PDB file of N, CA and C in Angstrom:
ATOM      1  N   MET A   1     -27.537 -20.889  15.225  1.00  0.00           N
ATOM      2  CA  MET A   1     -27.577 -22.311  15.457  1.00  0.00           C
ATOM      3  C   MET A   1     -26.878 -22.617  16.775  1.00  0.00           C
ATOM      4  N   LEU A   2     -27.307 -23.699  17.388  1.00  0.00           N
ATOM      5  CA  LEU A   2     -26.813 -24.047  18.712  1.00  0.00           C
ATOM      6  C   LEU A   2     -26.256 -25.460  18.752  1.00  0.00           C
ATOM      7  N   LYS A   3     -25.345 -25.700  19.681  1.00  0.00           N
ATOM      8  CA  LYS A   3     -24.809 -27.035  19.886  1.00  0.00           C
ATOM      9  C   LYS A   3     -25.967 -27.989  20.169  1.00  0.00           C
ATOM     10  N   GLY A   4     -25.963 -29.139  19.501  1.00  0.00           N
ATOM     11  CA  GLY A   4     -27.015 -30.127  19.690  1.00  0.00           C
ATOM     12  C   GLY A   4     -28.198 -29.965  18.749  1.00  0.00           C
ATOM     13  N   GLN A   5     -28.280 -28.844  18.068  1.00  0.00           N
ATOM     14  CA  GLN A   5     -29.392 -28.582  17.151  1.00  0.00           C
ATOM     15  C   GLN A   5     -29.253 -29.448  15.900  1.00  0.00           C
ATOM     16  N   ARG A   6     -30.377 -29.910  15.375  1.00  0.00           N
ATOM     17  CA  ARG A   6     -30.389 -30.668  14.123  1.00  0.00           C
ATOM     18  C   ARG A   6     -30.508 -29.686  12.971  1.00  0.00           C
ATOM     19  N   VAL A   7     -29.705 -29.913  11.926  1.00  0.00           N
ATOM     20  CA  VAL A   7     -29.703 -29.033  10.756  1.00  0.00           C
ATOM     21  C   VAL A   7     -29.752 -29.882   9.493  1.00  0.00           C
ATOM     22  N   VAL A   8     -30.144 -29.245   8.387  1.00  0.00           N
ATOM     23  CA  VAL A   8     -30.166 -29.905   7.091  1.00  0.00           C
ATOM     24  C   VAL A   8     -29.245 -29.134   6.151  1.00  0.00           C
ATOM     25  N   CYS A   9     -28.466 -29.842   5.363  1.00  0.00           N
ATOM     26  CA  CYS A   9     -27.557 -29.206   4.413  1.00  0.00           C
ATOM     27  C   CYS A   9     -28.369 -28.673   3.231  1.00  0.00           C
ATOM     28  N   VAL A  10     -28.161 -27.401   2.901  1.00  0.00           N
ATOM     29  CA  VAL A  10     -28.865 -26.782   1.776  1.00  0.00           C
ATOM     30  C   VAL A  10     -27.916 -26.427   0.636  1.00  0.00           C
ATOM     31  N   ASP A  11     -26.616 -26.593   0.849  1.00  0.00           N
ATOM     32  CA  ASP A  11     -25.628 -26.270  -0.187  1.00  0.00           C
ATOM     33  C   ASP A  11     -24.438 -27.208  -0.059  1.00  0.00           C
ATOM     34  N   ASP A  12     -24.309 -28.128  -1.001  1.00  0.00           N
ATOM     35  CA  ASP A  12     -23.170 -29.059  -0.965  1.00  0.00           C
ATOM     36  C   ASP A  12     -22.256 -28.884  -2.186  1.00  0.00           C
ATOM     37  N   ARG A  13     -22.268 -27.685  -2.753  1.00  0.00           N
ATOM     38  CA  ARG A  13     -21.366 -27.389  -3.871  1.00  0.00           C
ATOM     39  C   ARG A  13     -20.074 -26.806  -3.301  1.00  0.00           C
ATOM     40  N   PHE A  14     -19.004 -27.586  -3.355  1.00  0.00           N
ATOM     41  CA  PHE A  14     -17.729 -27.191  -2.773  1.00  0.00           C
ATOM     42  C   PHE A  14     -16.683 -27.004  -3.868  1.00  0.00           C
ATOM     43  N   PRO A  15     -15.781 -26.042  -3.667  1.00  0.00           N
ATOM     44  CA  PRO A  15     -14.675 -25.904  -4.615  1.00  0.00           C
ATOM     45  C   PRO A  15     -13.769 -27.133  -4.552  1.00  0.00           C
ATOM     46  N   LYS A  16     -13.005 -27.323  -5.591  1.00  0.00           N
ATOM     47  CA  LYS A  16     -12.127 -28.497  -5.707  1.00  0.00           C
ATOM     48  C   LYS A  16     -11.175 -28.629  -4.519  1.00  0.00           C
ATOM     49  N   TRP A  17     -10.627 -27.507  -4.035  1.00  0.00           N
ATOM     50  CA  TRP A  17      -9.656 -27.592  -2.940  1.00  0.00           C
ATOM     51  C   TRP A  17     -10.286 -28.147  -1.673  1.00  0.00           C
ATOM     52  N   VAL A  18     -11.589 -27.881  -1.454  1.00  0.00           N
ATOM     53  CA  VAL A  18     -12.269 -28.397  -0.258  1.00  0.00           C
ATOM     54  C   VAL A  18     -12.318 -29.916  -0.318  1.00  0.00           C
ATOM     55  N   VAL A  19     -12.658 -30.444  -1.469  1.00  0.00           N
ATOM     56  CA  VAL A  19     -12.729 -31.891  -1.647  1.00  0.00           C
ATOM     57  C   VAL A  19     -11.366 -32.526  -1.362  1.00  0.00           C
ATOM     58  N   GLU A  20     -10.299 -31.832  -1.682  1.00  0.00           N
ATOM     59  CA  GLU A  20      -8.957 -32.356  -1.463  1.00  0.00           C
ATOM     60  C   GLU A  20      -8.536 -32.335   0.014  1.00  0.00           C
ATOM     61  N   PHE A  21      -8.989 -31.333   0.786  1.00  0.00           N
ATOM     62  CA  PHE A  21      -8.566 -31.188   2.181  1.00  0.00           C
ATOM     63  C   PHE A  21      -9.471 -31.891   3.189  1.00  0.00           C
ATOM     64  N   PHE A  22     -10.765 -31.965   2.913  1.00  0.00           N
ATOM     65  CA  PHE A  22     -11.718 -32.542   3.853  1.00  0.00           C
ATOM     66  C   PHE A  22     -11.824 -34.046   3.649  1.00  0.00           C
ATOM     67  N   ASN A  23     -12.020 -34.780   4.736  1.00  0.00           N
ATOM     68  CA  ASN A  23     -12.254 -36.219   4.660  1.00  0.00           C
ATOM     69  C   ASN A  23     -13.722 -36.523   4.401  1.00  0.00           C
ATOM     70  N   GLN A  24     -14.607 -35.734   5.028  1.00  0.00           N
ATOM     71  CA  GLN A  24     -16.046 -35.965   4.933  1.00  0.00           C
ATOM     72  C   GLN A  24     -16.757 -34.647   4.659  1.00  0.00           C
ATOM     73  N   LEU A  25     -17.707 -34.682   3.729  1.00  0.00           N
ATOM     74  CA  LEU A  25     -18.473 -33.491   3.371  1.00  0.00           C
ATOM     75  C   LEU A  25     -19.964 -33.755   3.541  1.00  0.00           C
ATOM     76  N   PRO A  26     -20.727 -32.735   3.915  1.00  0.00           N
ATOM     77  CA  PRO A  26     -22.168 -32.911   4.015  1.00  0.00           C
ATOM     78  C   PRO A  26     -22.793 -33.037   2.623  1.00  0.00           C
ATOM     79  N   VAL A  27     -23.956 -33.660   2.574  1.00  0.00           N
ATOM     80  CA  VAL A  27     -24.684 -33.862   1.331  1.00  0.00           C
ATOM     81  C   VAL A  27     -25.988 -33.083   1.407  1.00  0.00           C
ATOM     82  N   LYS A  28     -26.330 -32.385   0.331  1.00  0.00           N
ATOM     83  CA  LYS A  28     -27.562 -31.602   0.298  1.00  0.00           C
ATOM     84  C   LYS A  28     -28.748 -32.496   0.652  1.00  0.00           C
ATOM     85  N   GLY A  29     -29.567 -32.020   1.591  1.00  0.00           N
ATOM     86  CA  GLY A  29     -30.717 -32.784   2.069  1.00  0.00           C
ATOM     87  C   GLY A  29     -30.397 -33.669   3.254  1.00  0.00           C
ATOM     88  N   GLY A  30     -29.109 -33.871   3.530  1.00  0.00           N
ATOM     89  CA  GLY A  30     -28.708 -34.692   4.670  1.00  0.00           C
ATOM     90  C   GLY A  30     -28.919 -33.948   5.982  1.00  0.00           C
ATOM     91  N   THR A  31     -29.243 -34.683   7.026  1.00  0.00           N
ATOM     92  CA  THR A  31     -29.443 -34.066   8.341  1.00  0.00           C
ATOM     93  C   THR A  31     -28.261 -34.373   9.242  1.00  0.00           C
ATOM     94  N   TYR A  32     -27.908 -33.380  10.053  1.00  0.00           N
ATOM     95  CA  TYR A  32     -26.720 -33.463  10.899  1.00  0.00           C
ATOM     96  C   TYR A  32     -27.004 -32.819  12.253  1.00  0.00           C
ATOM     97  N   THR A  33     -26.139 -33.120  13.218  1.00  0.00           N
ATOM     98  CA  THR A  33     -26.243 -32.546  14.554  1.00  0.00           C
ATOM     99  C   THR A  33     -25.052 -31.621  14.774  1.00  0.00           C
ATOM    100  N   VAL A  34     -25.316 -30.403  15.228  1.00  0.00           N
ATOM    101  CA  VAL A  34     -24.250 -29.434  15.469  1.00  0.00           C
ATOM    102  C   VAL A  34     -23.434 -29.887  16.682  1.00  0.00           C
ATOM    103  N   ARG A  35     -22.152 -30.097  16.459  1.00  0.00           N
ATOM    104  CA  ARG A  35     -21.221 -30.465  17.532  1.00  0.00           C
ATOM    105  C   ARG A  35     -20.662 -29.222  18.196  1.00  0.00           C
ATOM    106  N   GLU A  36     -20.407 -28.193  17.379  1.00  0.00           N
ATOM    107  CA  GLU A  36     -19.843 -26.942  17.891  1.00  0.00           C
ATOM    108  C   GLU A  36     -20.122 -25.818  16.903  1.00  0.00           C
ATOM    109  N   VAL A  37     -20.398 -24.632  17.442  1.00  0.00           N
ATOM    110  CA  VAL A  37     -20.510 -23.410  16.637  1.00  0.00           C
ATOM    111  C   VAL A  37     -19.258 -22.604  16.941  1.00  0.00           C
ATOM    112  N   CYS A  38     -18.549 -22.161  15.905  1.00  0.00           N
ATOM    113  CA  CYS A  38     -17.275 -21.487  16.126  1.00  0.00           C
ATOM    114  C   CYS A  38     -17.026 -20.411  15.077  1.00  0.00           C
ATOM    115  N   LEU A  39     -16.043 -19.576  15.345  1.00  0.00           N
ATOM    116  CA  LEU A  39     -15.587 -18.591  14.356  1.00  0.00           C
ATOM    117  C   LEU A  39     -14.386 -19.190  13.640  1.00  0.00           C
ATOM    118  N   ARG A  40     -14.381 -19.088  12.342  1.00  0.00           N
ATOM    119  CA  ARG A  40     -13.256 -19.577  11.551  1.00  0.00           C
ATOM    120  C   ARG A  40     -12.908 -18.546  10.497  1.00  0.00           C
ATOM    121  N   ARG A  41     -11.680 -18.597  10.038  1.00  0.00           N
ATOM    122  CA  ARG A  41     -11.234 -17.641   9.031  1.00  0.00           C
ATOM    123  C   ARG A  41     -11.941 -17.917   7.715  1.00  0.00           C
ATOM    124  N   GLU A  42     -12.106 -16.856   6.925  1.00  0.00           N
ATOM    125  CA  GLU A  42     -12.637 -17.024   5.575  1.00  0.00           C
ATOM    126  C   GLU A  42     -11.610 -17.784   4.766  1.00  0.00           C
ATOM    127  N   THR A  43     -12.046 -18.533   3.802  1.00  0.00           N
ATOM    128  CA  THR A  43     -11.123 -19.355   3.023  1.00  0.00           C
ATOM    129  C   THR A  43     -10.515 -18.612   1.841  1.00  0.00           C
ATOM    130  N   LEU A  44     -10.944 -17.389   1.602  1.00  0.00           N
ATOM    131  CA  LEU A  44     -10.382 -16.626   0.495  1.00  0.00           C
ATOM    132  C   LEU A  44      -8.949 -16.243   0.821  1.00  0.00           C
ATOM    133  N   ARG A  45      -8.048 -16.480  -0.106  1.00  0.00           N
ATOM    134  CA  ARG A  45      -6.633 -16.145   0.128  1.00  0.00           C
ATOM    135  C   ARG A  45      -6.495 -14.650   0.418  1.00  0.00           C
ATOM    136  N   GLY A  46      -5.756 -14.353   1.460  1.00  0.00           N
ATOM    137  CA  GLY A  46      -5.525 -12.967   1.831  1.00  0.00           C
ATOM    138  C   GLY A  46      -6.626 -12.360   2.683  1.00  0.00           C
ATOM    139  N   SER A  47      -7.689 -13.111   2.948  1.00  0.00           N
ATOM    140  CA  SER A  47      -8.789 -12.589   3.748  1.00  0.00           C
ATOM    141  C   SER A  47      -8.441 -12.708   5.232  1.00  0.00           C
ATOM    142  N   ASP A  48      -8.728 -11.658   5.989  1.00  0.00           N
ATOM    143  CA  ASP A  48      -8.511 -11.725   7.426  1.00  0.00           C
ATOM    144  C   ASP A  48      -9.836 -11.648   8.180  1.00  0.00           C
ATOM    145  N   SER A  49     -10.949 -11.859   7.480  1.00  0.00           N
ATOM    146  CA  SER A  49     -12.250 -11.838   8.134  1.00  0.00           C
ATOM    147  C   SER A  49     -12.642 -13.243   8.588  1.00  0.00           C
ATOM    148  N   ALA A  50     -13.601 -13.290   9.477  1.00  0.00           N
ATOM    149  CA  ALA A  50     -14.049 -14.563  10.042  1.00  0.00           C
ATOM    150  C   ALA A  50     -15.493 -14.837   9.638  1.00  0.00           C
ATOM    151  N   THR A  51     -15.878 -16.090   9.753  1.00  0.00           N
ATOM    152  CA  THR A  51     -17.242 -16.503   9.465  1.00  0.00           C
ATOM    153  C   THR A  51     -17.707 -17.467  10.551  1.00  0.00           C
ATOM    154  N   ILE A  52     -19.013 -17.537  10.769  1.00  0.00           N
ATOM    155  CA  ILE A  52     -19.555 -18.505  11.719  1.00  0.00           C
ATOM    156  C   ILE A  52     -19.542 -19.860  11.027  1.00  0.00           C
ATOM    157  N   ALA A  53     -18.968 -20.834  11.710  1.00  0.00           N
ATOM    158  CA  ALA A  53     -18.809 -22.158  11.131  1.00  0.00           C
ATOM    159  C   ALA A  53     -19.346 -23.227  12.077  1.00  0.00           C
ATOM    160  N   LEU A  54     -19.569 -24.412  11.517  1.00  0.00           N
ATOM    161  CA  LEU A  54     -20.106 -25.521  12.296  1.00  0.00           C
ATOM    162  C   LEU A  54     -19.210 -26.745  12.196  1.00  0.00           C
ATOM    163  N   LEU A  55     -19.093 -27.441  13.316  1.00  0.00           N
ATOM    164  CA  LEU A  55     -18.553 -28.792  13.341  1.00  0.00           C
ATOM    165  C   LEU A  55     -19.765 -29.687  13.560  1.00  0.00           C
ATOM    166  N   LEU A  56     -19.803 -30.830  12.892  1.00  0.00           N
ATOM    167  CA  LEU A  56     -20.966 -31.710  12.939  1.00  0.00           C
ATOM    168  C   LEU A  56     -20.613 -33.049  13.582  1.00  0.00           C
ATOM    169  N   GLU A  57     -21.528 -33.566  14.399  1.00  0.00           N
ATOM    170  CA  GLU A  57     -21.302 -34.847  15.083  1.00  0.00           C
ATOM    171  C   GLU A  57     -21.016 -35.973  14.097  1.00  0.00           C
ATOM    172  N   GLU A  58     -21.712 -35.968  12.989  1.00  0.00           N
ATOM    173  CA  GLU A  58     -21.632 -37.071  12.046  1.00  0.00           C
ATOM    174  C   GLU A  58     -20.417 -37.032  11.116  1.00  0.00           C
ATOM    175  N   LEU A  59     -19.737 -35.889  11.070  1.00  0.00           N
ATOM    176  CA  LEU A  59     -18.601 -35.728  10.159  1.00  0.00           C
ATOM    177  C   LEU A  59     -17.365 -35.293  10.940  1.00  0.00           C
ATOM    178  N   ARG A  60     -16.241 -35.932  10.654  1.00  0.00           N
ATOM    179  CA  ARG A  60     -14.963 -35.571  11.293  1.00  0.00           C
ATOM    180  C   ARG A  60     -13.958 -35.261  10.192  1.00  0.00           C
ATOM    181  N   ASN A  61     -13.208 -34.188  10.369  1.00  0.00           N
ATOM    182  CA  ASN A  61     -12.250 -33.763   9.363  1.00  0.00           C
ATOM    183  C   ASN A  61     -10.898 -33.455   9.994  1.00  0.00           C
ATOM    184  N   PRO A  62      -9.855 -33.397   9.170  1.00  0.00           N
ATOM    185  CA  PRO A  62      -8.510 -33.140   9.688  1.00  0.00           C
ATOM    186  C   PRO A  62      -8.337 -31.695  10.131  1.00  0.00           C
ATOM    187  N   PRO A  63      -7.234 -31.407  10.791  1.00  0.00           N
ATOM    188  CA  PRO A  63      -6.942 -30.030  11.186  1.00  0.00           C
ATOM    189  C   PRO A  63      -6.750 -29.139   9.958  1.00  0.00           C
ATOM    190  N   ASP A  64      -7.068 -27.868  10.136  1.00  0.00           N
ATOM    191  CA  ASP A  64      -6.857 -26.863   9.092  1.00  0.00           C
ATOM    192  C   ASP A  64      -5.348 -26.703   8.910  1.00  0.00           C
ATOM    193  N   PRO A  65      -4.817 -26.973   7.724  1.00  0.00           N
ATOM    194  CA  PRO A  65      -3.370 -26.881   7.526  1.00  0.00           C
ATOM    195  C   PRO A  65      -2.827 -25.458   7.660  1.00  0.00           C
ATOM    196  N   SER A  66      -3.695 -24.461   7.609  1.00  0.00           N
ATOM    197  CA  SER A  66      -3.263 -23.066   7.730  1.00  0.00           C
ATOM    198  C   SER A  66      -3.363 -22.533   9.156  1.00  0.00           C
ATOM    199  N   HIS A  67      -3.849 -23.364  10.081  1.00  0.00           N
ATOM    200  CA  HIS A  67      -4.033 -22.907  11.463  1.00  0.00           C
ATOM    201  C   HIS A  67      -2.997 -23.553  12.370  1.00  0.00           C
ATOM    202  N   LYS A  68      -2.214 -22.735  13.050  1.00  0.00           N
ATOM    203  CA  LYS A  68      -1.135 -23.246  13.910  1.00  0.00           C
ATOM    204  C   LYS A  68      -1.655 -24.033  15.105  1.00  0.00           C
ATOM    205  N   GLY A  69      -2.893 -23.739  15.523  1.00  0.00           N
ATOM    206  CA  GLY A  69      -3.459 -24.430  16.684  1.00  0.00           C
ATOM    207  C   GLY A  69      -4.097 -25.756  16.359  1.00  0.00           C
ATOM    208  N   GLY A  70      -4.167 -26.103  15.085  1.00  0.00           N
ATOM    209  CA  GLY A  70      -4.719 -27.399  14.697  1.00  0.00           C
ATOM    210  C   GLY A  70      -6.226 -27.511  14.776  1.00  0.00           C
ATOM    211  N   GLU A  71      -6.943 -26.393  14.609  1.00  0.00           N
ATOM    212  CA  GLU A  71      -8.403 -26.457  14.628  1.00  0.00           C
ATOM    213  C   GLU A  71      -8.904 -27.332  13.491  1.00  0.00           C
ATOM    214  N   GLU A  72      -9.927 -28.117  13.767  1.00  0.00           N
ATOM    215  CA  GLU A  72     -10.539 -28.964  12.753  1.00  0.00           C
ATOM    216  C   GLU A  72     -11.183 -28.102  11.662  1.00  0.00           C
ATOM    217  N   LEU A  73     -11.053 -28.544  10.429  1.00  0.00           N
ATOM    218  CA  LEU A  73     -11.725 -27.864   9.327  1.00  0.00           C
ATOM    219  C   LEU A  73     -13.234 -27.897   9.579  1.00  0.00           C
ATOM    220  N   ALA A  74     -13.904 -26.766   9.380  1.00  0.00           N
ATOM    221  CA  ALA A  74     -15.331 -26.649   9.676  1.00  0.00           C
ATOM    222  C   ALA A  74     -16.076 -26.162   8.434  1.00  0.00           C
ATOM    223  N   PHE A  75     -17.404 -26.157   8.524  1.00  0.00           N
ATOM    224  CA  PHE A  75     -18.260 -25.746   7.416  1.00  0.00           C
ATOM    225  C   PHE A  75     -18.958 -24.431   7.733  1.00  0.00           C
ATOM    226  N   LYS A  76     -19.070 -23.557   6.731  1.00  0.00           N
ATOM    227  CA  LYS A  76     -19.800 -22.310   6.916  1.00  0.00           C
ATOM    228  C   LYS A  76     -21.235 -22.617   7.329  1.00  0.00           C
ATOM    229  N   SER A  77     -21.733 -21.891   8.310  1.00  0.00           N
ATOM    230  CA  SER A  77     -23.086 -22.144   8.815  1.00  0.00           C
ATOM    231  C   SER A  77     -24.146 -21.875   7.752  1.00  0.00           C
ATOM    232  N   GLU A  78     -23.845 -21.005   6.798  1.00  0.00           N
ATOM    233  CA  GLU A  78     -24.839 -20.684   5.769  1.00  0.00           C
ATOM    234  C   GLU A  78     -25.129 -21.862   4.839  1.00  0.00           C
ATOM    235  N   ARG A  79     -24.351 -22.917   4.928  1.00  0.00           N
ATOM    236  CA  ARG A  79     -24.623 -24.121   4.137  1.00  0.00           C
ATOM    237  C   ARG A  79     -25.739 -24.965   4.747  1.00  0.00           C
ATOM    238  N   PHE A  80     -26.244 -24.558   5.921  1.00  0.00           N
ATOM    239  CA  PHE A  80     -27.223 -25.353   6.661  1.00  0.00           C
ATOM    240  C   PHE A  80     -28.429 -24.521   7.075  1.00  0.00           C
ATOM    241  N   ALA A  81     -29.550 -25.207   7.263  1.00  0.00           N
ATOM    242  CA  ALA A  81     -30.765 -24.585   7.782  1.00  0.00           C
ATOM    243  C   ALA A  81     -31.249 -25.437   8.949  1.00  0.00           C
ATOM    244  N   PRO A  82     -31.891 -24.814   9.938  1.00  0.00           N
ATOM    245  CA  PRO A  82     -32.428 -25.599  11.049  1.00  0.00           C
ATOM    246  C   PRO A  82     -33.430 -26.631  10.527  1.00  0.00           C
ATOM    247  N   LEU A  83     -33.363 -27.825  11.064  1.00  0.00           N
ATOM    248  CA  LEU A  83     -34.299 -28.880  10.687  1.00  0.00           C
ATOM    249  C   LEU A  83     -35.554 -28.695  11.510  1.00  0.00           C
ATOM    250  N   GLU A  84     -36.657 -28.539  10.828  1.00  0.00           N
ATOM    251  CA  GLU A  84     -37.933 -28.391  11.519  1.00  0.00           C
ATOM    252  C   GLU A  84     -38.576 -29.757  11.598  1.00  0.00           C
ATOM    253  N   GLU A  85     -38.485 -30.346  12.780  1.00  0.00           N
ATOM    254  CA  GLU A  85     -39.053 -31.674  12.977  1.00  0.00           C
ATOM    255  C   GLU A  85     -40.518 -31.526  13.320  1.00  0.00           C
ATOM    256  N   ILE A  86     -41.363 -31.896  12.376  1.00  0.00           N
ATOM    257  CA  ILE A  86     -42.802 -31.731  12.518  1.00  0.00           C
ATOM    258  C   ILE A  86     -43.427 -33.095  12.772  1.00  0.00           C
ATOM    259  N   GLU A  87     -44.276 -33.145  13.767  1.00  0.00           N
ATOM    260  CA  GLU A  87     -44.978 -34.387  14.054  1.00  0.00           C
ATOM    261  C   GLU A  87     -45.935 -34.717  12.918  1.00  0.00           C
ATOM    262  N   THR A  88     -46.045 -35.982  12.630  1.00  0.00           N
ATOM    263  CA  THR A  88     -47.048 -36.392  11.654  1.00  0.00           C
ATOM    264  C   THR A  88     -48.406 -36.327  12.332  1.00  0.00           C
ATOM    265  N   GLU A  89     -49.461 -36.334  11.558  1.00  0.00           N
ATOM    266  CA  GLU A  89     -50.802 -36.291  12.136  1.00  0.00           C
ATOM    267  C   GLU A  89     -51.037 -37.488  13.044  1.00  0.00           C
ATOM    268  N   GLU A  90     -50.515 -38.654  12.644  1.00  0.00           N
ATOM    269  CA  GLU A  90     -50.697 -39.851  13.465  1.00  0.00           C
ATOM    270  C   GLU A  90     -50.012 -39.698  14.818  1.00  0.00           C
ATOM    271  N   GLU A  91     -48.795 -39.142  14.834  1.00  0.00           N
ATOM    272  CA  GLU A  91     -48.089 -38.940  16.096  1.00  0.00           C
ATOM    273  C   GLU A  91     -48.844 -37.958  16.978  1.00  0.00           C
ATOM    274  N   ALA A  92     -49.353 -36.881  16.381  1.00  0.00           N
ATOM    275  CA  ALA A  92     -50.101 -35.878  17.131  1.00  0.00           C
ATOM    276  C   ALA A  92     -51.369 -36.488  17.721  1.00  0.00           C
ATOM    277  N   GLU A  93     -52.070 -37.284  16.919  1.00  0.00           N
ATOM    278  CA  GLU A  93     -53.294 -37.931  17.406  1.00  0.00           C
ATOM    279  C   GLU A  93     -52.993 -38.929  18.525  1.00  0.00           C
ATOM    280  N   ALA A  94     -51.899 -39.681  18.382  1.00  0.00           N
ATOM    281  CA  ALA A  94     -51.527 -40.638  19.407  1.00  0.00           C
ATOM    282  C   ALA A  94     -51.210 -39.915  20.713  1.00  0.00           C
ATOM    283  N   GLY A  95     -50.514 -38.790  20.627  1.00  0.00           N
ATOM    284  CA  GLY A  95     -50.212 -38.001  21.819  1.00  0.00           C
ATOM    285  C   GLY A  95     -51.465 -37.463  22.461  1.00  0.00           C
ATOM    286  N   LEU A  96     -52.441 -37.033  21.648  1.00  0.00           N
ATOM    287  CA  LEU A  96     -53.706 -36.499  22.155  1.00  0.00           C
ATOM    288  C   LEU A  96     -54.468 -37.600  22.864  1.00  0.00           C
ATOM    289  N   GLU A  97     -54.515 -38.805  22.287  1.00  0.00           N
ATOM    290  CA  GLU A  97     -55.216 -39.919  22.904  1.00  0.00           C
ATOM    291  C   GLU A  97     -54.602 -40.291  24.240  1.00  0.00           C
ATOM    292  N   LEU A  98     -53.256 -40.292  24.320  1.00  0.00           N
ATOM    293  CA  LEU A  98     -52.591 -40.634  25.574  1.00  0.00           C
ATOM    294  C   LEU A  98     -52.882 -39.579  26.642  1.00  0.00           C
ATOM    295  N   SER A  99     -52.941 -38.321  26.248  1.00  0.00           N
ATOM    296  CA  SER A  99     -53.146 -37.270  27.242  1.00  0.00           C
ATOM    297  C   SER A  99     -54.565 -37.277  27.801  1.00  0.00           C
ATOM    298  N   THR A 100     -55.539 -37.819  27.082  1.00  0.00           N
ATOM    299  CA  THR A 100     -56.923 -37.819  27.573  1.00  0.00           C
ATOM    300  C   THR A 100     -57.137 -38.880  28.645  1.00  0.00           C
ATOM    301  N   PHE A 101     -56.206 -39.845  28.755  1.00  0.00           N
ATOM    302  CA  PHE A 101     -56.345 -40.905  29.749  1.00  0.00           C
ATOM    303  C   PHE A 101     -55.672 -40.572  31.066  1.00  0.00           C
ATOM    304  N   HIS A 102     -54.962 -39.458  31.146  1.00  0.00           N
ATOM    305  CA  HIS A 102     -54.231 -39.114  32.382  1.00  0.00           C
ATOM    306  C   HIS A 102     -54.941 -38.077  33.162  1.00  0.00           C
TER     307      HIS A 102
END
């Protein structure tokens, strides 16, 4: 996923602790814009591995209380899928009609 890309949430089942720490959570089926793609620590206690995470334009959250640098809490990228914006037949036909006049 890339900065500026539109994505759709495919998994909005969060553990209780996430609901307590985050101010805003994505909703399954909701569409969002990627603000930043970043590496973040796994949330499992004692884990030292990282995961690809996303910050979203539409959602703002507080700093990660476990991070000394104050990085904003982010969402695992696997909770999202790229949004495939497909033109409707009417839009496609309108574009075809406009192109025949030029």
